[in-house]
Amino acid sequence: MLCLHPATRRVALPRPLVFTNGVFDLLHRGHVECLKDARRLGRSLVVGVNDDASARALGKGPGRPLNSAEDRAAVIASLSCVSLVVVFSEATPALLIEQLRPDIYVKGGDYRIEDLSEARLLRRWGGRTVILPYRVGCSTTGLLHRARQMEAGVA
């Protein structure tokens, strides 16, 4: 299921509802494994995808994102572990989280619970935050770096 604009009320998906978010510019194994692991924590998985402007504001690098938000959302929505995809335009998914009220918020191992304002938000209604293990060598930035090296004949 794909939803490009969030409704202002909670979606009727089976609980526990798990939420995660990201840019997902070039989908890779690390993304897929994290999404599958996130889904195992609940009965539904909603994925928030940064729109193009909010993705650029994250400073991922020049020319990023490579793929449009619509394309990135369509790819994520095609995964069997994903129940719903929502594109958001804010700097953080806090407004979307407030609207969805997920039971569990999931981020990858390159984040710390103490640094996530979203974790504090979930605690307000009894939700929890889970940090999944970091998958070394799985990053869009790393893939782009290797591709540029290959193109330049360095790799």
Protein backbone atom coordinates (compact mmCIF):
# COMPACT_ATOMS: atom_id res chain seq x y z
CA MET A 1 0.00 0.00 0.00
CA LEU A 2 1.30 3.45 -0.85
CA CYS A 3 0.13 6.74 0.58
CA LEU A 4 2.01 9.83 -0.52
CA HIS A 5 0.26 12.31 1.77
CA PRO A 6 -0.45 11.46 5.42
CA ALA A 7 -3.97 11.67 6.72
CA THR A 8 -4.40 13.68 9.89
CA ARG A 9 -5.90 10.71 11.71
CA ARG A 10 -4.42 7.37 12.64
CA VAL A 11 -4.41 4.63 10.06
CA ALA A 12 -6.39 1.48 10.82
CA LEU A 13 -3.61 -1.10 10.69
CA PRO A 14 -3.15 -4.12 12.94
CA ARG A 15 -1.30 -3.42 16.16
CA PRO A 16 1.36 -3.39 17.35
CA LEU A 17 2.21 -0.75 14.76
CA VAL A 18 5.90 -0.24 13.99
CA PHE A 19 7.20 2.95 12.39
CA THR A 20 10.55 3.78 10.84
CA ASN A 21 11.75 6.48 8.50
CA GLY A 22 14.56 7.47 6.19
CA VAL A 23 15.60 8.73 2.78
CA PHE A 24 16.07 5.27 1.18
CA ASP A 25 17.79 6.83 -1.82
CA LEU A 26 19.36 3.67 -3.24
CA LEU A 27 17.70 0.69 -1.65
CA HIS A 28 20.33 -1.80 -0.46
CA ARG A 29 20.64 -4.91 1.70
CA GLY A 30 21.04 -2.89 4.90
CA HIS A 31 17.73 -1.11 4.26
CA VAL A 32 15.90 -4.33 3.42
CA GLU A 33 17.22 -6.23 6.44
CA CYS A 34 16.33 -3.35 8.77
CA LEU A 35 12.82 -3.12 7.34
CA LYS A 36 12.29 -6.87 7.67
CA ASP A 37 13.60 -6.82 11.25
CA ALA A 38 11.36 -3.84 12.06
CA ARG A 39 8.28 -5.66 10.75
CA ARG A 40 9.06 -8.68 12.95
CA LEU A 41 8.55 -6.41 15.97
CA GLY A 42 4.87 -5.86 15.20
CA ARG A 43 1.93 -6.69 12.95
CA SER A 44 2.20 -3.61 10.70
CA LEU A 45 5.11 -1.51 9.44
CA VAL A 46 4.67 2.08 8.33
CA VAL A 47 7.66 3.68 6.63
CA GLY A 48 8.10 7.44 6.47
CA VAL A 49 10.12 8.60 3.45
CA ASN A 50 11.68 12.07 3.40
CA ASP A 51 10.46 14.19 0.52
CA ASP A 52 13.12 15.60 -1.80
CA ALA A 53 13.54 18.92 0.03
CA SER A 54 13.83 17.36 3.50
CA ALA A 55 16.26 14.75 2.12
CA ARG A 56 18.46 17.52 0.67
CA ALA A 57 18.37 19.33 4.01
CA LEU A 58 19.94 16.28 5.69
CA GLY A 59 23.20 17.02 3.87
CA LYS A 60 23.68 13.59 2.32
CA GLY A 61 25.83 15.09 -0.42
CA PRO A 62 25.61 16.95 -3.71
CA GLY A 63 22.94 15.74 -6.12
CA ARG A 64 21.12 13.79 -3.44
CA PRO A 65 18.63 12.35 -3.41
CA LEU A 66 19.27 10.58 -6.69
CA ASN A 67 15.72 9.26 -6.90
CA SER A 68 12.55 11.31 -6.40
CA ALA A 69 10.45 10.82 -3.28
CA GLU A 70 7.70 9.27 -5.41
CA ASP A 71 10.15 6.70 -6.84
CA ARG A 72 11.72 5.95 -3.45
CA ALA A 73 8.29 5.49 -1.87
CA ALA A 74 7.16 3.17 -4.68
CA VAL A 75 10.22 0.95 -4.23
CA ILE A 76 9.74 0.75 -0.44
CA ALA A 77 6.01 0.06 -0.88
CA SER A 78 6.83 -2.93 -3.10
CA LEU A 79 8.46 -4.79 -0.19
CA SER A 80 6.21 -7.42 1.37
CA CYS A 81 7.22 -6.41 4.91
CA VAL A 82 5.90 -2.85 4.45
CA SER A 83 2.24 -2.10 5.23
CA LEU A 84 2.13 1.60 4.34
CA VAL A 85 4.50 4.29 3.05
CA VAL A 86 4.04 7.96 3.83
CA VAL A 87 6.14 10.76 2.33
CA PHE A 88 6.76 13.60 4.78
CA SER A 89 8.23 17.05 4.27
CA GLU A 90 9.27 18.11 7.76
CA ALA A 91 12.86 17.98 9.06
CA THR A 92 11.92 15.10 11.38
CA PRO A 93 9.02 12.65 11.34
CA ALA A 94 7.69 13.98 14.67
CA LEU A 95 4.39 15.28 13.23
CA LEU A 96 3.81 12.01 11.38
CA ILE A 97 4.64 10.00 14.50
CA GLU A 98 2.21 12.13 16.51
CA GLN A 99 -0.51 11.41 13.92
CA LEU A 100 0.17 7.66 13.68
CA ARG A 101 0.92 7.00 17.36
CA PRO A 102 2.99 3.87 16.65
CA ASP A 103 3.69 1.36 19.39
CA ILE A 104 7.33 0.97 18.32
CA TYR A 105 9.76 3.33 16.60
CA VAL A 106 12.75 1.69 14.89
CA LYS A 107 16.06 3.15 13.71
CA GLY A 108 19.30 1.61 12.52
CA GLY A 109 22.41 1.16 14.62
CA ASP A 110 23.95 4.44 13.52
CA TYR A 111 21.51 6.19 15.90
CA ARG A 112 21.35 6.37 19.70
CA ILE A 113 18.06 6.43 21.61
CA GLU A 114 19.33 9.28 23.78
CA ASP A 115 19.75 11.47 20.70
CA LEU A 116 16.31 10.82 19.19
CA SER A 117 13.60 13.32 20.06
CA GLU A 118 11.20 10.82 18.47
CA ALA A 119 12.01 8.36 21.30
CA ARG A 120 10.91 10.93 23.88
CA LEU A 121 7.73 11.52 21.87
CA LEU A 122 6.81 7.81 21.86
CA ARG A 123 7.28 7.53 25.61
CA ARG A 124 4.40 10.02 26.01
CA TRP A 125 1.87 7.32 25.05
CA GLY A 126 3.80 4.28 26.25
CA GLY A 127 5.55 3.48 22.98
CA ARG A 128 9.13 2.31 22.80
CA THR A 129 12.13 2.83 20.54
CA VAL A 130 14.30 0.01 19.20
CA ILE A 131 17.75 0.48 17.69
CA LEU A 132 18.62 -2.34 15.30
CA PRO A 133 22.23 -3.47 14.79
CA TYR A 134 24.28 -1.47 12.32
CA ARG A 135 25.13 -3.33 9.14
CA VAL A 136 28.74 -2.49 8.32
CA GLY A 137 29.39 -1.77 4.66
CA CYS A 138 25.74 -1.14 3.83
CA SER A 139 25.17 2.51 3.01
CA THR A 140 24.03 4.52 0.03
CA THR A 141 26.94 6.93 0.56
CA GLY A 142 29.38 4.00 0.47
CA LEU A 143 27.80 2.60 -2.68
CA LEU A 144 28.05 5.98 -4.41
CA HIS A 145 31.67 6.36 -3.32
CA ARG A 146 32.57 2.93 -4.75
CA ALA A 147 30.70 3.69 -7.98
CA ARG A 148 32.61 6.98 -8.40
CA GLN A 149 35.90 5.20 -7.76
CA MET A 150 35.07 2.56 -10.37
CA GLU A 151 34.08 5.25 -12.84
CA ALA A 152 37.39 7.01 -12.26
CA GLY A 153 39.28 3.71 -12.67
CA VAL A 154 40.49 3.76 -9.05
CA ALA A 155 38.79 0.61 -7.76
